[in-house]
Amino acid sequence: MLNLNHDDAPALLRERFVVEIGIRQAWPYVTFADHRDEASPQEVRLYIDSSFTVIPGPAVPVPAEEDDEKLRLLRLAEVLNQTVHDVTVEDDGSLMVKFHDNVCLRVSGHSQPWTTHDVWWLGSCPAG
């Protein structure tokens, strides 16, 4: 299992591409694969426990308590098959993932009242 801090995200995600989106238990996720080793691509998953936006698309934060799963997945579908160009972690803990086709995923660094851990984190993918 990966145990990474927020500072690891930029180097780890840069130039990976999105192969999967979904919801595991309560958390939306985005799975990234490393295409540099096509024989056995390494995958890492970004779990989200905060509001997020995908641009272009609805640039309105998606509060977890007010949004349904279908809308969250539709918004994340904008990043499917996209390759990461740049990743930054902002001072407030927000994560900005910029893709080559001018698509951006921004995960808020602010927690919800029920959040008991990080608002986003990177983990390994469950064995399929």
C-alpha atoms as a PDB file:
ATOM      1  CA  MET A   1       0.000   0.000   0.000  1.00  0.00           C
ATOM      2  CA  LEU A   2       1.300   3.436  -0.885  1.00  0.00           C
ATOM      3  CA  ASN A   3       1.897   5.798   1.993  1.00  0.00           C
ATOM      4  CA  LEU A   4       2.627   9.154   0.409  1.00  0.00           C
ATOM      5  CA  ASN A   5       2.325  12.691   1.638  1.00  0.00           C
ATOM      6  CA  HIS A   6       0.984  15.613  -0.362  1.00  0.00           C
ATOM      7  CA  ASP A   7       4.482  16.655  -1.440  1.00  0.00           C
ATOM      8  CA  ASP A   8       4.866  13.395  -3.395  1.00  0.00           C
ATOM      9  CA  ALA A   9       1.845  13.995  -5.638  1.00  0.00           C
ATOM     10  CA  PRO A  10       3.394  16.255  -8.305  1.00  0.00           C
ATOM     11  CA  ALA A  11       6.293  13.935  -9.143  1.00  0.00           C
ATOM     12  CA  LEU A  12       4.201  10.783  -8.909  1.00  0.00           C
ATOM     13  CA  LEU A  13       1.271  11.892 -11.095  1.00  0.00           C
ATOM     14  CA  ARG A  14       3.057  13.911 -13.785  1.00  0.00           C
ATOM     15  CA  GLU A  15       2.808  12.264 -17.246  1.00  0.00           C
ATOM     16  CA  ARG A  16       0.477   9.499 -16.028  1.00  0.00           C
ATOM     17  CA  PHE A  17      -2.862   9.006 -17.755  1.00  0.00           C
ATOM     18  CA  VAL A  18      -6.329   8.382 -16.349  1.00  0.00           C
ATOM     19  CA  VAL A  19      -7.561   4.821 -16.852  1.00  0.00           C
ATOM     20  CA  GLU A  20     -10.485   4.682 -14.435  1.00  0.00           C
ATOM     21  CA  ILE A  21     -12.875   6.757 -12.353  1.00  0.00           C
ATOM     22  CA  GLY A  22     -15.300   5.509  -9.764  1.00  0.00           C
ATOM     23  CA  ILE A  23     -16.526   5.522  -6.207  1.00  0.00           C
ATOM     24  CA  ARG A  24     -15.141   3.211  -3.543  1.00  0.00           C
ATOM     25  CA  GLN A  25     -17.318   3.201  -0.445  1.00  0.00           C
ATOM     26  CA  ALA A  26     -17.980   6.937  -0.031  1.00  0.00           C
ATOM     27  CA  TRP A  27     -14.987   8.329  -1.920  1.00  0.00           C
ATOM     28  CA  PRO A  28     -14.776   9.277  -5.589  1.00  0.00           C
ATOM     29  CA  TYR A  29     -11.464   8.246  -7.105  1.00  0.00           C
ATOM     30  CA  VAL A  30      -9.342   8.666 -10.218  1.00  0.00           C
ATOM     31  CA  THR A  31      -6.880   5.921 -11.218  1.00  0.00           C
ATOM     32  CA  PHE A  32      -3.693   6.904 -13.039  1.00  0.00           C
ATOM     33  CA  ALA A  33      -1.377   4.556 -14.959  1.00  0.00           C
ATOM     34  CA  ASP A  34       2.236   5.144 -15.880  1.00  0.00           C
ATOM     35  CA  HIS A  35       2.601   4.642 -19.641  1.00  0.00           C
ATOM     36  CA  ARG A  36       6.394   4.784 -19.521  1.00  0.00           C
ATOM     37  CA  ASP A  37       6.483   1.049 -18.801  1.00  0.00           C
ATOM     38  CA  GLU A  38       3.762  -0.307 -21.068  1.00  0.00           C
ATOM     39  CA  ALA A  39       4.596  -3.934 -20.251  1.00  0.00           C
ATOM     40  CA  SER A  40       3.460  -3.511 -16.638  1.00  0.00           C
ATOM     41  CA  PRO A  41       2.058  -0.042 -15.998  1.00  0.00           C
ATOM     42  CA  GLN A  42       2.034   0.971 -12.357  1.00  0.00           C
ATOM     43  CA  GLU A  43      -1.298   2.352 -11.178  1.00  0.00           C
ATOM     44  CA  VAL A  44      -1.996   4.807  -8.384  1.00  0.00           C
ATOM     45  CA  ARG A  45      -5.372   6.010  -7.192  1.00  0.00           C
ATOM     46  CA  LEU A  46      -6.356   9.502  -6.064  1.00  0.00           C
ATOM     47  CA  TYR A  47      -9.164   9.367  -3.482  1.00  0.00           C
ATOM     48  CA  ILE A  48     -11.254  12.507  -2.928  1.00  0.00           C
ATOM     49  CA  ASP A  49     -13.030  13.453   0.320  1.00  0.00           C
ATOM     50  CA  SER A  50     -13.726  17.104  -0.416  1.00  0.00           C
ATOM     51  CA  SER A  51     -15.418  19.255  -3.028  1.00  0.00           C
ATOM     52  CA  PHE A  52     -13.861  19.249  -6.496  1.00  0.00           C
ATOM     53  CA  THR A  53     -14.239  20.912  -9.871  1.00  0.00           C
ATOM     54  CA  VAL A  54     -13.417  19.802 -13.380  1.00  0.00           C
ATOM     55  CA  ILE A  55     -12.740  22.499 -15.948  1.00  0.00           C
ATOM     56  CA  PRO A  56     -14.044  22.758 -18.630  1.00  0.00           C
ATOM     57  CA  GLY A  57     -17.367  21.686 -17.371  1.00  0.00           C
ATOM     58  CA  PRO A  58     -19.383  22.877 -14.432  1.00  0.00           C
ATOM     59  CA  ALA A  59     -16.912  25.047 -12.517  1.00  0.00           C
ATOM     60  CA  VAL A  60     -18.975  24.835  -9.347  1.00  0.00           C
ATOM     61  CA  PRO A  61     -17.599  22.948  -6.347  1.00  0.00           C
ATOM     62  CA  VAL A  62     -19.335  19.623  -5.733  1.00  0.00           C
ATOM     63  CA  PRO A  63     -20.108  19.442  -2.017  1.00  0.00           C
ATOM     64  CA  ALA A  64     -20.184  15.794  -1.029  1.00  0.00           C
ATOM     65  CA  GLU A  65     -23.295  16.222   1.135  1.00  0.00           C
ATOM     66  CA  GLU A  66     -25.365  17.846  -1.641  1.00  0.00           C
ATOM     67  CA  ASP A  67     -24.314  15.906  -4.717  1.00  0.00           C
ATOM     68  CA  ASP A  68     -25.332  12.511  -5.934  1.00  0.00           C
ATOM     69  CA  GLU A  69     -22.906   9.890  -7.164  1.00  0.00           C
ATOM     70  CA  LYS A  70     -24.005  10.095 -10.806  1.00  0.00           C
ATOM     71  CA  LEU A  71     -23.213  13.805 -11.058  1.00  0.00           C
ATOM     72  CA  ARG A  72     -19.830  13.306  -9.406  1.00  0.00           C
ATOM     73  CA  LEU A  73     -18.966  10.531 -11.876  1.00  0.00           C
ATOM     74  CA  LEU A  74     -20.146  12.593 -14.844  1.00  0.00           C
ATOM     75  CA  ARG A  75     -17.833  15.403 -13.805  1.00  0.00           C
ATOM     76  CA  LEU A  76     -14.882  13.041 -13.306  1.00  0.00           C
ATOM     77  CA  ALA A  77     -15.566  11.438 -16.703  1.00  0.00           C
ATOM     78  CA  GLU A  78     -14.073  14.587 -18.261  1.00  0.00           C
ATOM     79  CA  VAL A  79     -10.608  13.403 -17.211  1.00  0.00           C
ATOM     80  CA  LEU A  80     -10.859   9.831 -18.574  1.00  0.00           C
ATOM     81  CA  ASN A  81      -8.016   9.018 -20.979  1.00  0.00           C
ATOM     82  CA  GLN A  82      -6.336  12.362 -20.256  1.00  0.00           C
ATOM     83  CA  THR A  83      -2.573  12.589 -19.626  1.00  0.00           C
ATOM     84  CA  VAL A  84      -1.323  14.714 -16.739  1.00  0.00           C
ATOM     85  CA  HIS A  85       0.742  17.721 -17.750  1.00  0.00           C
ATOM     86  CA  ASP A  86       1.321  19.381 -14.381  1.00  0.00           C
ATOM     87  CA  VAL A  87       0.369  18.893 -10.735  1.00  0.00           C
ATOM     88  CA  THR A  88       0.545  21.411  -7.904  1.00  0.00           C
ATOM     89  CA  VAL A  89      -0.363  21.312  -4.251  1.00  0.00           C
ATOM     90  CA  GLU A  90      -1.480  24.762  -3.154  1.00  0.00           C
ATOM     91  CA  ASP A  91      -0.768  26.343   0.224  1.00  0.00           C
ATOM     92  CA  ASP A  92      -4.246  25.452   1.511  1.00  0.00           C
ATOM     93  CA  GLY A  93      -3.735  21.779   0.573  1.00  0.00           C
ATOM     94  CA  SER A  94      -5.780  21.946  -2.626  1.00  0.00           C
ATOM     95  CA  LEU A  95      -4.626  19.682  -5.443  1.00  0.00           C
ATOM     96  CA  MET A  96      -4.579  21.010  -9.020  1.00  0.00           C
ATOM     97  CA  VAL A  97      -4.088  18.430 -11.769  1.00  0.00           C
ATOM     98  CA  LYS A  98      -3.673  19.923 -15.252  1.00  0.00           C
ATOM     99  CA  PHE A  99      -4.002  17.674 -18.283  1.00  0.00           C
ATOM    100  CA  HIS A 100      -2.560  18.117 -21.791  1.00  0.00           C
ATOM    101  CA  ASP A 101      -5.944  18.919 -23.399  1.00  0.00           C
ATOM    102  CA  ASN A 102      -6.565  21.991 -21.199  1.00  0.00           C
ATOM    103  CA  VAL A 103      -8.683  20.035 -18.741  1.00  0.00           C
ATOM    104  CA  CYS A 104      -8.106  20.650 -15.023  1.00  0.00           C
ATOM    105  CA  LEU A 105      -9.168  18.784 -11.906  1.00  0.00           C
ATOM    106  CA  ARG A 106      -9.054  20.839  -8.700  1.00  0.00           C
ATOM    107  CA  VAL A 107      -9.665  19.158  -5.349  1.00  0.00           C
ATOM    108  CA  SER A 108     -10.359  21.532  -2.489  1.00  0.00           C
ATOM    109  CA  GLY A 109      -7.970  21.534   0.434  1.00  0.00           C
ATOM    110  CA  HIS A 110     -10.787  22.337   2.859  1.00  0.00           C
ATOM    111  CA  SER A 111     -12.344  19.501   4.803  1.00  0.00           C
ATOM    112  CA  GLN A 112     -16.024  18.859   5.365  1.00  0.00           C
ATOM    113  CA  PRO A 113     -17.329  18.623   8.960  1.00  0.00           C
ATOM    114  CA  TRP A 114     -17.404  14.815   8.792  1.00  0.00           C
ATOM    115  CA  THR A 115     -13.914  14.383   7.300  1.00  0.00           C
ATOM    116  CA  THR A 116     -11.709  12.384   9.658  1.00  0.00           C
ATOM    117  CA  HIS A 117      -8.532  12.256   7.537  1.00  0.00           C
ATOM    118  CA  ASP A 118      -6.995  14.026   4.547  1.00  0.00           C
ATOM    119  CA  VAL A 119      -9.292  15.665   2.003  1.00  0.00           C
ATOM    120  CA  TRP A 120      -7.441  13.778  -0.749  1.00  0.00           C
ATOM    121  CA  TRP A 121      -4.832  11.059  -0.720  1.00  0.00           C
ATOM    122  CA  LEU A 122      -2.960   8.712  -3.022  1.00  0.00           C
ATOM    123  CA  GLY A 123      -3.197   4.977  -2.621  1.00  0.00           C
ATOM    124  CA  SER A 124      -2.490   1.782  -4.443  1.00  0.00           C
ATOM    125  CA  CYS A 125      -5.204   0.105  -6.465  1.00  0.00           C
ATOM    126  CA  PRO A 126      -6.908  -2.963  -5.061  1.00  0.00           C
ATOM    127  CA  ALA A 127      -5.875  -6.181  -6.769  1.00  0.00           C
ATOM    128  CA  GLY A 128      -8.374  -6.988  -9.489  1.00  0.00           C
END
